Protein backbone atom coordinates (compact mmCIF):
# COMPACT_ATOMS: atom_id res chain seq x y z
CA MET A 1 -0.19 19.32 75.95
CA LYS A 2 1.17 16.78 77.38
CA LYS A 3 5.27 16.97 76.80
CA LEU A 4 6.80 13.59 74.59
CA SER A 5 8.92 11.66 76.87
CA LYS A 6 12.57 10.91 76.08
CA LYS A 7 11.96 7.48 74.98
CA SER A 8 8.91 8.74 72.31
CA PHE A 9 11.42 11.36 71.06
CA ILE A 10 13.79 8.73 69.87
CA ILE A 11 11.35 6.62 68.71
CA LEU A 12 9.36 9.82 66.68
CA LEU A 13 13.42 10.53 65.43
CA ALA A 14 14.07 7.01 64.38
CA ILE A 15 10.86 6.75 62.18
CA LEU A 16 11.32 10.17 60.64
CA ALA A 17 14.88 9.14 59.63
CA ALA A 18 13.87 5.88 58.20
CA ILE A 19 11.14 8.24 56.72
CA ILE A 20 13.83 10.08 54.96
CA LEU A 21 15.73 7.33 53.92
CA ILE A 22 13.67 5.21 52.30
CA THR A 23 12.43 8.82 50.10
CA VAL A 24 15.74 9.18 49.47
CA VAL A 25 16.94 5.47 48.44
CA VAL A 26 13.68 5.80 46.11
CA VAL A 27 14.24 8.50 44.50
CA LEU A 28 17.79 7.56 43.66
CA PHE A 29 16.72 4.41 42.22
CA ILE A 30 14.01 6.32 40.19
CA ILE A 31 17.37 8.90 39.08
CA PHE A 32 19.58 6.19 38.57
CA ARG A 33 17.15 3.81 36.41
CA GLY A 34 16.21 6.93 34.41
CA LYS A 35 19.97 7.64 33.57
CA ASN A 36 20.72 3.56 32.63
CA GLU A 37 17.55 3.73 30.33
CA ILE A 38 17.74 4.29 26.79
CA VAL A 39 15.23 6.45 25.39
CA VAL A 40 13.68 4.37 22.42
CA PRO A 41 12.77 6.91 19.06
CA PRO A 42 9.42 6.78 18.14
CA ASN A 43 10.96 4.93 14.44
CA ALA A 44 12.93 2.57 15.75
CA ILE A 45 12.91 -0.72 14.23
CA GLY A 46 14.84 -3.85 16.40
CA ASN A 47 17.09 -5.16 13.11
CA SER A 48 17.45 -4.63 9.45
CA ALA A 49 14.94 -6.16 6.94
CA GLY A 50 17.86 -7.98 5.15
CA ASN A 51 19.35 -9.35 8.32
CA LEU A 52 15.53 -10.32 9.25
CA GLN A 53 15.03 -11.55 5.87
CA ASN A 54 18.26 -13.98 6.25
CA GLY A 55 17.32 -15.21 10.16
CA GLY A 56 18.14 -12.27 12.40
CA LEU A 57 21.17 -14.30 13.19
CA PHE A 58 22.97 -10.89 14.39
CA CYS A 59 22.07 -7.50 15.26
CA GLU A 60 24.37 -5.04 16.36
CA TYR A 61 23.06 -2.54 18.77
CA ASP A 62 24.56 -0.15 21.19
CA GLY A 63 28.20 -1.20 21.55
CA TYR A 64 27.30 -4.66 21.07
CA LEU A 65 26.93 -7.30 18.62
CA TYR A 66 24.13 -9.57 19.48
CA PHE A 67 24.16 -13.22 17.58
CA SER A 68 23.38 -16.94 17.46
CA ASN A 69 26.22 -18.85 17.89
CA SER A 70 25.88 -21.94 15.75
CA TYR A 71 29.12 -23.36 17.57
CA ASP A 72 27.07 -23.39 20.62
CA GLY A 73 23.61 -24.70 19.26
CA GLY A 74 22.41 -21.13 18.23
CA ALA A 75 22.73 -20.16 21.87
CA LEU A 76 22.26 -16.06 21.85
CA TYR A 77 25.87 -14.53 22.61
CA ARG A 78 26.86 -11.18 22.60
CA MET A 79 30.16 -9.11 21.90
CA LYS A 80 31.40 -6.31 23.30
CA TYR A 81 33.05 -4.53 20.47
CA GLU A 82 35.38 -2.41 22.91
CA ASP A 83 37.61 -5.31 24.45
CA GLY A 84 36.20 -7.94 22.22
CA SER A 85 34.53 -9.74 25.55
CA PHE A 86 31.79 -12.70 24.72
CA GLU A 87 29.13 -13.50 26.88
CA ARG A 88 26.32 -16.36 26.62
CA LEU A 89 22.91 -14.71 27.44
CA ASN A 90 21.18 -18.04 27.24
CA LYS A 91 21.96 -21.71 26.18
CA ASN A 92 19.17 -22.22 23.33
CA ARG A 93 19.29 -21.67 19.71
CA THR A 94 18.02 -17.79 18.70
CA TYR A 95 17.32 -16.11 15.88
CA SER A 96 14.83 -13.30 14.46
CA ILE A 97 16.99 -11.57 17.29
CA ASN A 98 15.56 -7.33 17.66
CA ALA A 99 17.42 -5.22 19.98
CA VAL A 100 15.73 -1.77 21.27
CA GLY A 101 15.93 0.69 24.09
CA ASN A 102 17.27 -1.64 27.14
CA ASN A 103 15.75 -4.77 25.99
CA LEU A 104 16.07 -8.06 23.22
CA TYR A 105 13.50 -9.26 21.43
CA TYR A 106 13.82 -12.98 19.70
CA CYS A 107 12.17 -15.88 18.70
CA MET A 108 14.08 -19.05 20.55
CA LEU A 109 14.04 -22.98 19.48
CA SER A 110 15.59 -24.78 22.27
CA GLU A 111 17.88 -26.84 19.99
CA ARG A 112 20.04 -28.60 22.38
CA SER A 113 20.71 -32.15 23.43
CA THR A 114 23.08 -34.05 26.06
CA ILE A 115 25.33 -34.38 23.79
CA SER A 116 28.40 -32.05 23.97
CA GLY A 117 30.05 -30.31 21.10
CA LEU A 118 29.71 -27.92 18.37
CA GLY A 119 26.17 -27.51 17.07
CA SER A 120 24.75 -29.74 19.04
CA LEU A 121 20.99 -29.71 18.73
CA THR A 122 16.78 -30.25 20.51
CA ARG A 123 13.29 -28.49 20.43
CA ASN A 124 11.13 -25.85 21.93
CA ALA A 125 10.04 -22.89 20.45
CA GLY A 126 8.56 -19.46 21.69
CA VAL A 127 9.09 -15.66 21.73
CA TYR A 128 11.04 -13.89 24.25
CA SER A 129 12.12 -10.79 25.66
CA CYS A 130 15.26 -10.04 27.72
CA ARG A 131 17.54 -7.27 29.31
CA LEU A 132 20.41 -6.72 27.31
CA ASP A 133 22.42 -8.64 29.49
CA GLY A 134 20.09 -11.68 29.25
CA GLU A 135 18.59 -10.89 32.35
CA LYS A 136 14.79 -11.11 33.25
CA THR A 137 13.74 -13.08 30.17
CA VAL A 138 10.20 -13.10 29.73
CA ASN A 139 8.25 -15.53 27.61
CA LEU A 140 5.53 -13.85 25.56
CA ASN A 141 4.39 -16.54 23.18
CA THR A 142 4.52 -20.20 23.76
CA ASN A 143 3.95 -20.85 19.88
CA ALA A 144 6.59 -20.47 17.25
CA GLY A 145 7.92 -17.27 15.90
CA ILE A 146 9.44 -16.88 12.50
CA THR A 147 10.20 -13.70 11.17
CA MET A 148 9.94 -10.35 13.45
CA GLN A 149 10.13 -7.47 13.75
CA TYR A 150 9.71 -4.08 16.22
CA TYR A 151 8.36 -1.42 15.80
CA GLY A 152 6.48 1.30 18.05
CA ASN A 153 6.62 -0.73 21.22
CA TYR A 154 4.72 -3.56 19.05
CA LEU A 155 6.22 -6.81 17.84
CA TYR A 156 5.30 -7.75 14.85
CA TYR A 157 5.70 -11.36 13.36
CA GLN A 158 4.63 -14.73 12.06
CA GLU A 159 3.44 -16.68 14.31
CA SER A 160 3.00 -20.58 13.43
CA THR A 161 0.71 -23.01 14.96
CA ASP A 162 -1.14 -26.17 14.17
CA THR A 163 -3.47 -24.55 11.98
CA GLY A 164 -1.44 -22.10 9.84
CA THR A 165 1.02 -19.21 10.06
CA THR A 166 -0.54 -16.13 10.61
CA LEU A 167 0.94 -11.93 11.11
CA VAL A 168 0.49 -11.04 14.40
CA LYS A 169 1.03 -7.68 16.43
CA GLN A 170 2.19 -7.73 20.19
CA SER A 171 2.33 -5.36 22.68
CA VAL A 172 5.74 -5.59 24.37
CA GLU A 173 4.45 -3.89 27.71
CA SER A 174 0.75 -5.57 28.14
CA LYS A 175 1.88 -9.05 26.05
CA GLU A 176 -1.92 -8.33 24.40
CA LYS A 177 -1.66 -10.07 20.92
CA THR A 178 -3.86 -9.36 18.12
CA THR A 179 -3.60 -11.27 14.17
CA LEU A 180 -3.44 -8.84 11.75
CA SER A 181 -3.42 -10.76 8.79
CA PRO A 182 -4.58 -14.70 8.08
CA GLN A 183 -1.81 -14.52 5.41
CA VAL A 184 1.99 -15.47 5.57
CA ILE A 185 3.25 -11.76 5.70
CA ASP A 186 7.01 -11.22 5.76
CA PRO A 187 7.12 -7.94 8.52
CA SER A 188 10.84 -7.40 7.91
CA SER A 189 10.81 -4.24 5.86
CA VAL A 190 9.32 -1.25 8.45
CA VAL A 191 10.10 2.23 7.60
CA ASN A 192 8.70 5.11 9.63
CA GLY A 193 5.58 2.79 10.18
CA THR A 194 5.04 1.79 6.85
CA LEU A 195 5.19 -2.12 6.38
CA TYR A 196 6.41 -2.97 2.62
CA TYR A 197 5.48 -6.31 1.65
CA SER A 198 4.88 -8.88 -1.52
CA ASN A 199 0.87 -10.14 -0.80
CA ALA A 200 0.62 -13.77 -1.70
CA ALA A 201 -3.14 -13.20 -1.73
CA ASP A 202 -3.26 -10.67 -4.59
CA GLY A 203 -0.47 -12.10 -6.85
CA HIS A 204 2.71 -11.41 -4.79
CA PHE A 205 1.69 -7.57 -5.87
CA LEU A 206 4.19 -4.79 -3.62
CA TYR A 207 1.70 -3.41 -1.10
CA ALA A 208 2.39 -0.81 1.96
CA ALA A 209 0.35 -1.40 5.62
CA ASP A 210 0.05 1.48 7.75
CA LEU A 211 1.06 0.18 11.08
CA GLU A 212 -0.94 2.31 12.87
CA THR A 213 -4.12 2.31 10.93
CA GLY A 214 -3.96 -1.23 9.97
CA VAL A 215 -4.77 0.04 6.04
CA SER A 216 -3.26 -1.48 3.18
CA ASN A 217 -2.43 -0.13 -0.31
CA ARG A 218 -1.74 -1.99 -3.25
CA LEU A 219 1.52 0.12 -4.52
CA TRP A 220 2.24 -1.84 -7.56
CA ASP A 221 1.13 -4.02 -10.45
CA THR A 222 4.23 -6.07 -10.12
CA PRO A 223 5.39 -9.24 -8.69
CA VAL A 224 7.99 -9.21 -6.02
CA TRP A 225 9.62 -11.45 -3.60
CA ASN A 226 11.46 -10.20 -0.25
CA PRO A 227 11.37 -6.25 -0.73
CA VAL A 228 13.18 -4.21 1.28
CA TYR A 229 12.83 -0.63 1.07
CA ASP A 230 16.25 1.51 1.22
CA ASN A 231 16.21 5.13 0.76
CA GLY A 232 14.11 5.81 -1.20
CA TYR A 233 14.12 2.34 -3.61
CA ILE A 234 12.48 -0.82 -3.69
CA TYR A 235 15.10 -3.93 -3.47
CA TYR A 236 13.22 -6.97 -4.73
CA LEU A 237 13.67 -10.28 -6.78
CA THR A 238 11.62 -11.12 -9.51
CA MET A 239 9.21 -13.48 -9.67
CA ASP A 240 8.74 -14.79 -13.57
CA GLY A 241 10.94 -17.39 -12.50
CA LYS A 242 14.39 -15.31 -13.29
CA TYR A 243 14.68 -14.24 -9.93
CA ASN A 244 16.89 -11.49 -11.09
CA LEU A 245 17.77 -8.67 -8.18
CA CYS A 246 16.11 -5.27 -9.37
CA ARG A 247 15.44 -2.20 -7.82
CA ARG A 248 12.47 0.38 -8.29
CA ALA A 249 11.98 4.21 -7.13
CA ILE A 250 8.79 3.69 -5.09
CA ASN A 251 6.76 6.44 -6.93
CA ASP A 252 8.59 5.46 -10.29
CA THR A 253 7.96 2.76 -12.98
CA ASN A 254 11.73 2.43 -13.87
CA VAL A 255 13.00 -0.79 -13.23
CA GLU A 256 16.73 -1.56 -12.74
CA VAL A 257 17.78 -4.79 -13.12
CA LEU A 258 20.79 -5.37 -10.68
CA THR A 259 22.09 -8.66 -12.01
CA ASN A 260 21.29 -10.90 -14.14
CA ASP A 261 22.01 -13.93 -11.84
CA PHE A 262 19.09 -16.12 -10.26
CA VAL A 263 19.33 -14.96 -6.74
CA ASP A 264 18.47 -16.75 -3.64
CA THR A 265 18.92 -13.96 -0.84
CA PHE A 266 20.51 -10.44 -0.54
CA ASN A 267 21.05 -8.02 1.97
CA VAL A 268 21.43 -4.05 1.32
CA TYR A 269 23.87 -2.53 3.68
CA LYS A 270 24.38 1.80 2.90
CA SER A 271 25.71 1.32 -0.56
CA ILE A 272 26.63 -2.11 -0.50
CA ILE A 273 24.77 -5.31 -1.47
CA TYR A 274 25.38 -8.81 -0.65
CA TYR A 275 23.82 -11.92 -2.29
CA CYS A 276 23.79 -15.69 -3.00
CA VAL A 277 23.58 -17.33 -6.37
CA SER A 278 23.00 -21.09 -6.53
CA ALA A 279 22.23 -21.53 -10.02
CA GLY A 280 24.46 -22.33 -12.92
CA ASP A 281 27.71 -23.57 -12.95
CA ASN A 282 29.23 -21.04 -10.48
CA PRO A 283 27.66 -20.86 -7.19
CA ALA A 284 29.08 -17.71 -4.68
CA ILE A 285 28.55 -15.47 -2.46
CA LYS A 286 28.83 -12.18 -4.08
CA ARG A 287 28.76 -8.37 -3.75
CA MET A 288 28.03 -5.28 -5.78
CA ASN A 289 27.24 -1.48 -5.19
CA ILE A 290 23.59 -0.83 -4.73
CA ASP A 291 23.08 0.31 -8.52
CA GLY A 292 24.52 -2.51 -9.77
CA SER A 293 28.06 -2.00 -10.47
CA ASN A 294 31.40 -3.60 -9.94
CA PRO A 295 30.16 -7.00 -8.94
CA GLU A 296 32.81 -9.22 -7.25
CA ILE A 297 33.07 -13.06 -5.89
CA VAL A 298 33.30 -12.87 -2.25
CA ARG A 299 33.51 -17.04 -2.34
CA THR A 300 32.52 -19.66 -4.13
CA GLY A 301 29.78 -22.35 -3.05
CA ILE A 302 26.27 -22.20 -2.22
CA TYR A 303 25.68 -19.96 1.30
CA HIS A 304 22.71 -18.19 2.73
CA ASP A 305 21.78 -16.53 5.79
CA VAL A 306 23.82 -13.17 5.22
CA ASN A 307 23.74 -10.72 7.97
CA VAL A 308 25.65 -7.44 7.55
CA THR A 309 26.99 -4.86 10.17
CA SER A 310 29.35 -2.20 10.58
CA ASP A 311 32.36 -4.07 10.33
CA TYR A 312 31.72 -7.61 9.29
CA VAL A 313 29.40 -9.64 6.77
CA TYR A 314 28.51 -13.19 8.27
CA TYR A 315 27.02 -16.06 6.17
CA SER A 316 27.26 -19.79 6.38
CA GLN A 317 27.34 -22.73 3.44
CA TYR A 318 23.80 -23.77 2.64
CA ASN A 319 22.50 -26.38 5.23
CA ASN A 320 25.37 -26.38 7.34
CA ILE A 321 25.42 -24.24 10.48
CA VAL A 322 29.17 -24.42 10.95
CA PRO A 323 31.64 -22.57 10.17
CA ILE A 324 30.47 -19.15 10.53
CA TYR A 325 32.42 -17.23 7.61
CA ARG A 326 32.90 -13.58 7.51
CA GLN A 327 33.98 -10.81 5.54
CA SER A 328 34.98 -7.24 6.02
CA THR A 329 31.65 -5.24 4.80
CA PHE A 330 33.49 -2.51 2.44
CA GLY A 331 36.99 -3.50 2.90
CA PRO A 332 38.98 -5.88 0.52
CA ILE A 333 37.57 -9.89 -0.08
CA TYR A 334 39.53 -12.36 1.62
CA GLU A 335 38.51 -15.44 2.97
CA ASP A 336 38.15 -15.71 6.79
CA GLU A 337 36.04 -17.51 9.68
CA PHE A 338 34.77 -16.31 13.03
CA SER A 339 37.33 -17.73 14.90
CA GLU A 340 36.43 -15.69 18.24
CA ALA A 341 32.85 -17.20 17.99
CA VAL A 342 34.55 -20.68 18.43
CA THR A 343 37.01 -19.86 21.19
CA ALA A 344 33.77 -18.34 23.31
CA ALA A 345 31.70 -21.52 22.54
CA LEU A 346 34.42 -24.25 23.42
CA LYS A 347 34.89 -22.11 26.76
CA ASN A 348 31.56 -22.36 27.70
CA ILE A 349 30.64 -26.26 26.72
CA SER A 350 34.20 -27.22 28.41
CA GLU A 351 33.00 -25.20 31.94
CA GLU A 352 29.18 -27.19 31.66
CA LYS A 353 31.60 -30.70 31.60
């Protein structure tokens, strides 16, 4: 057997060392990536039904508050709870925000202009994803999305095109998209693989759709609007012209009228409900316990886009994107604005000049 020369031996050692180094780097990358990948529970959703029915402008996830900052044209921001720091993740108007695993999924309307200032607006639509830090943005659909919910590695959303609005299902991995219904169905209220919705094609009766099989069944012969499933109950607005806020156990016939107010929108969070009333002589945003007890006026006026987090409830005046008001979710009633979001917006706007 021919003996290797000293030069060949050195080259062979260098190649072996390079192979070992590359192998170590790949293994460390896989380990590091695995440690930073968040495991998504099988029944995880991207945001609460109540928030999504109110625009999905705020989403609380893994130590951060992700939100559409109206003071900066609706740009996507995140606030770190630990130190109160802010980051702007994109410059476009964002809504239907979902946060799952290591990713954000959202609908975007590029409403910006060359005019500097708070709340400046332009137009461009689509469904997007990005990492939690705003990096690696991917366009999933150039058609406009309206209300969107994540469940089981799929996005369920209302897709708006020139021919109408349909409910679609899209894989977040392959981007493959299928139409589930030609009807305008709200996909917000998903619990354990079941979508609860008001079926406009059948008298707005309450339906439940199995998202795995695609089979839908009528649950009630009662017209409902904006149904939300929470802890065994369906919370909904009546469609008899009164728009009272009611709840009913999913397998019961007894209806509890929680308020006789004409309710525009509501949001259920744990033991409390926030709701907006515009009709009558005393329009206001109000709150009450989930059984309808202890109703309180939070602020008088006409409001909408009520998004709830563990710390605060965020809302704004009807037909006004600013200011963003907030109220301690469970604390005493007081008037406050999201002033930190103003400061963060002004900082970013000034740096662009």
